[in-house]
Amino acid sequence: MISEDEFLTMITDILRSELDKGDLTIKMSSSPRTISEWDSLAQIRIIMGIERAFSIQLDAEEIEGLDSVKAFYEAVSRHTR
């Protein structure tokens, strides 16, 4: 299983790339409510980036509940045990 620190490093790179914001700081509590660039289109790109980075496939039910970095971490953790 991936540690929170490793995950934060990887998702920070993904979010910076997908949101085109190189100086973005990410925490487990980060979400579309705290990052204005994180809109519905960005959400799709973020999901795709996470699936590529972790070689996983998220299902529709999981995707519906992805509303924060912590939720992404929990989903990835379930797939990488």
C-alpha atoms as a PDB file:
ATOM      1  CA  MET A   1       0.000   0.000   0.000  1.00  0.00           C
ATOM      2  CA  ILE A   2       1.217   3.498  -0.788  1.00  0.00           C
ATOM      3  CA  SER A   3       1.922   5.874   2.097  1.00  0.00           C
ATOM      4  CA  GLU A   4       0.123   9.213   2.379  1.00  0.00           C
ATOM      5  CA  ASP A   5       3.413  11.046   1.807  1.00  0.00           C
ATOM      6  CA  GLU A   6       4.176   9.103  -1.387  1.00  0.00           C
ATOM      7  CA  PHE A   7       0.625   9.627  -2.592  1.00  0.00           C
ATOM      8  CA  LEU A   8       0.730  13.367  -1.881  1.00  0.00           C
ATOM      9  CA  THR A   9       3.929  13.666  -3.896  1.00  0.00           C
ATOM     10  CA  MET A  10       2.417  11.831  -6.850  1.00  0.00           C
ATOM     11  CA  ILE A  11      -0.990  13.534  -6.772  1.00  0.00           C
ATOM     12  CA  THR A  12       0.648  16.938  -6.409  1.00  0.00           C
ATOM     13  CA  ASP A  13       2.460  16.307  -9.698  1.00  0.00           C
ATOM     14  CA  ILE A  14      -0.775  15.124 -11.331  1.00  0.00           C
ATOM     15  CA  LEU A  15      -2.812  18.096 -10.090  1.00  0.00           C
ATOM     16  CA  ARG A  16      -0.128  20.618 -11.027  1.00  0.00           C
ATOM     17  CA  SER A  17      -0.033  19.180 -14.525  1.00  0.00           C
ATOM     18  CA  GLU A  18      -3.782  18.766 -15.052  1.00  0.00           C
ATOM     19  CA  LEU A  19      -4.687  22.133 -13.517  1.00  0.00           C
ATOM     20  CA  ASP A  20      -1.735  23.887 -15.206  1.00  0.00           C
ATOM     21  CA  LYS A  21      -0.695  25.369 -11.885  1.00  0.00           C
ATOM     22  CA  GLY A  22       2.970  24.607 -11.183  1.00  0.00           C
ATOM     23  CA  ASP A  23       3.072  26.178  -7.739  1.00  0.00           C
ATOM     24  CA  LEU A  24       0.029  24.372  -6.342  1.00  0.00           C
ATOM     25  CA  THR A  25       0.336  23.039  -2.785  1.00  0.00           C
ATOM     26  CA  ILE A  26      -1.763  19.965  -2.041  1.00  0.00           C
ATOM     27  CA  LYS A  27      -2.975  18.570   1.282  1.00  0.00           C
ATOM     28  CA  MET A  28      -5.174  15.571   2.021  1.00  0.00           C
ATOM     29  CA  SER A  29      -8.036  18.021   2.587  1.00  0.00           C
ATOM     30  CA  SER A  30      -7.630  19.680  -0.834  1.00  0.00           C
ATOM     31  CA  SER A  31     -10.743  19.487  -2.998  1.00  0.00           C
ATOM     32  CA  PRO A  32     -12.640  21.315  -5.729  1.00  0.00           C
ATOM     33  CA  ARG A  33     -13.984  23.563  -2.962  1.00  0.00           C
ATOM     34  CA  THR A  34     -10.468  24.712  -2.056  1.00  0.00           C
ATOM     35  CA  ILE A  35      -8.909  24.819  -5.549  1.00  0.00           C
ATOM     36  CA  SER A  36     -10.838  26.997  -7.990  1.00  0.00           C
ATOM     37  CA  GLU A  37      -9.255  25.417 -11.102  1.00  0.00           C
ATOM     38  CA  TRP A  38     -10.552  21.971 -10.093  1.00  0.00           C
ATOM     39  CA  ASP A  39     -13.766  21.906 -12.113  1.00  0.00           C
ATOM     40  CA  SER A  40     -15.696  19.005 -13.647  1.00  0.00           C
ATOM     41  CA  LEU A  41     -13.469  18.780 -16.724  1.00  0.00           C
ATOM     42  CA  ALA A  42     -10.339  18.872 -14.559  1.00  0.00           C
ATOM     43  CA  GLN A  43     -11.867  16.101 -12.427  1.00  0.00           C
ATOM     44  CA  ILE A  44     -11.968  13.817 -15.466  1.00  0.00           C
ATOM     45  CA  ARG A  45      -8.356  14.615 -16.355  1.00  0.00           C
ATOM     46  CA  ILE A  46      -7.270  14.058 -12.734  1.00  0.00           C
ATOM     47  CA  ILE A  47      -9.018  10.677 -12.629  1.00  0.00           C
ATOM     48  CA  MET A  48      -7.334   9.652 -15.869  1.00  0.00           C
ATOM     49  CA  GLY A  49      -3.956  10.833 -14.577  1.00  0.00           C
ATOM     50  CA  ILE A  50      -4.363   8.848 -11.366  1.00  0.00           C
ATOM     51  CA  GLU A  51      -5.424   5.725 -13.244  1.00  0.00           C
ATOM     52  CA  ARG A  52      -2.318   6.016 -15.455  1.00  0.00           C
ATOM     53  CA  ALA A  53       0.066   6.805 -12.611  1.00  0.00           C
ATOM     54  CA  PHE A  54      -1.094   3.934 -10.409  1.00  0.00           C
ATOM     55  CA  SER A  55      -2.033   1.465 -13.183  1.00  0.00           C
ATOM     56  CA  ILE A  56      -5.563   1.073 -11.821  1.00  0.00           C
ATOM     57  CA  GLN A  57      -9.090   1.320 -13.181  1.00  0.00           C
ATOM     58  CA  LEU A  58     -11.639   3.098 -10.978  1.00  0.00           C
ATOM     59  CA  ASP A  59     -15.251   2.046 -11.353  1.00  0.00           C
ATOM     60  CA  ALA A  60     -18.234   4.393 -11.692  1.00  0.00           C
ATOM     61  CA  GLU A  61     -19.284   4.078  -8.038  1.00  0.00           C
ATOM     62  CA  GLU A  62     -15.801   4.995  -6.851  1.00  0.00           C
ATOM     63  CA  ILE A  63     -15.591   7.933  -9.219  1.00  0.00           C
ATOM     64  CA  GLU A  64     -18.845   9.406  -7.892  1.00  0.00           C
ATOM     65  CA  GLY A  65     -17.364   9.658  -4.396  1.00  0.00           C
ATOM     66  CA  LEU A  66     -14.074  11.290  -5.367  1.00  0.00           C
ATOM     67  CA  ASP A  67     -14.494  14.721  -3.849  1.00  0.00           C
ATOM     68  CA  SER A  68     -11.090  15.332  -2.228  1.00  0.00           C
ATOM     69  CA  VAL A  69      -7.463  14.272  -2.278  1.00  0.00           C
ATOM     70  CA  LYS A  70      -8.206  12.054   0.731  1.00  0.00           C
ATOM     71  CA  ALA A  71     -10.977  10.272  -1.215  1.00  0.00           C
ATOM     72  CA  PHE A  72      -8.546   9.691  -4.099  1.00  0.00           C
ATOM     73  CA  TYR A  73      -5.984   8.297  -1.633  1.00  0.00           C
ATOM     74  CA  GLU A  74      -8.534   5.892  -0.166  1.00  0.00           C
ATOM     75  CA  ALA A  75      -9.589   4.702  -3.637  1.00  0.00           C
ATOM     76  CA  VAL A  76      -6.000   4.191  -4.782  1.00  0.00           C
ATOM     77  CA  SER A  77      -5.173   2.384  -1.536  1.00  0.00           C
ATOM     78  CA  ARG A  78      -8.003  -0.088  -2.132  1.00  0.00           C
ATOM     79  CA  HIS A  79      -6.552  -0.903  -5.558  1.00  0.00           C
ATOM     80  CA  THR A  80      -2.882  -1.111  -4.572  1.00  0.00           C
ATOM     81  CA  ARG A  81      -2.921  -3.385  -1.525  1.00  0.00           C
END
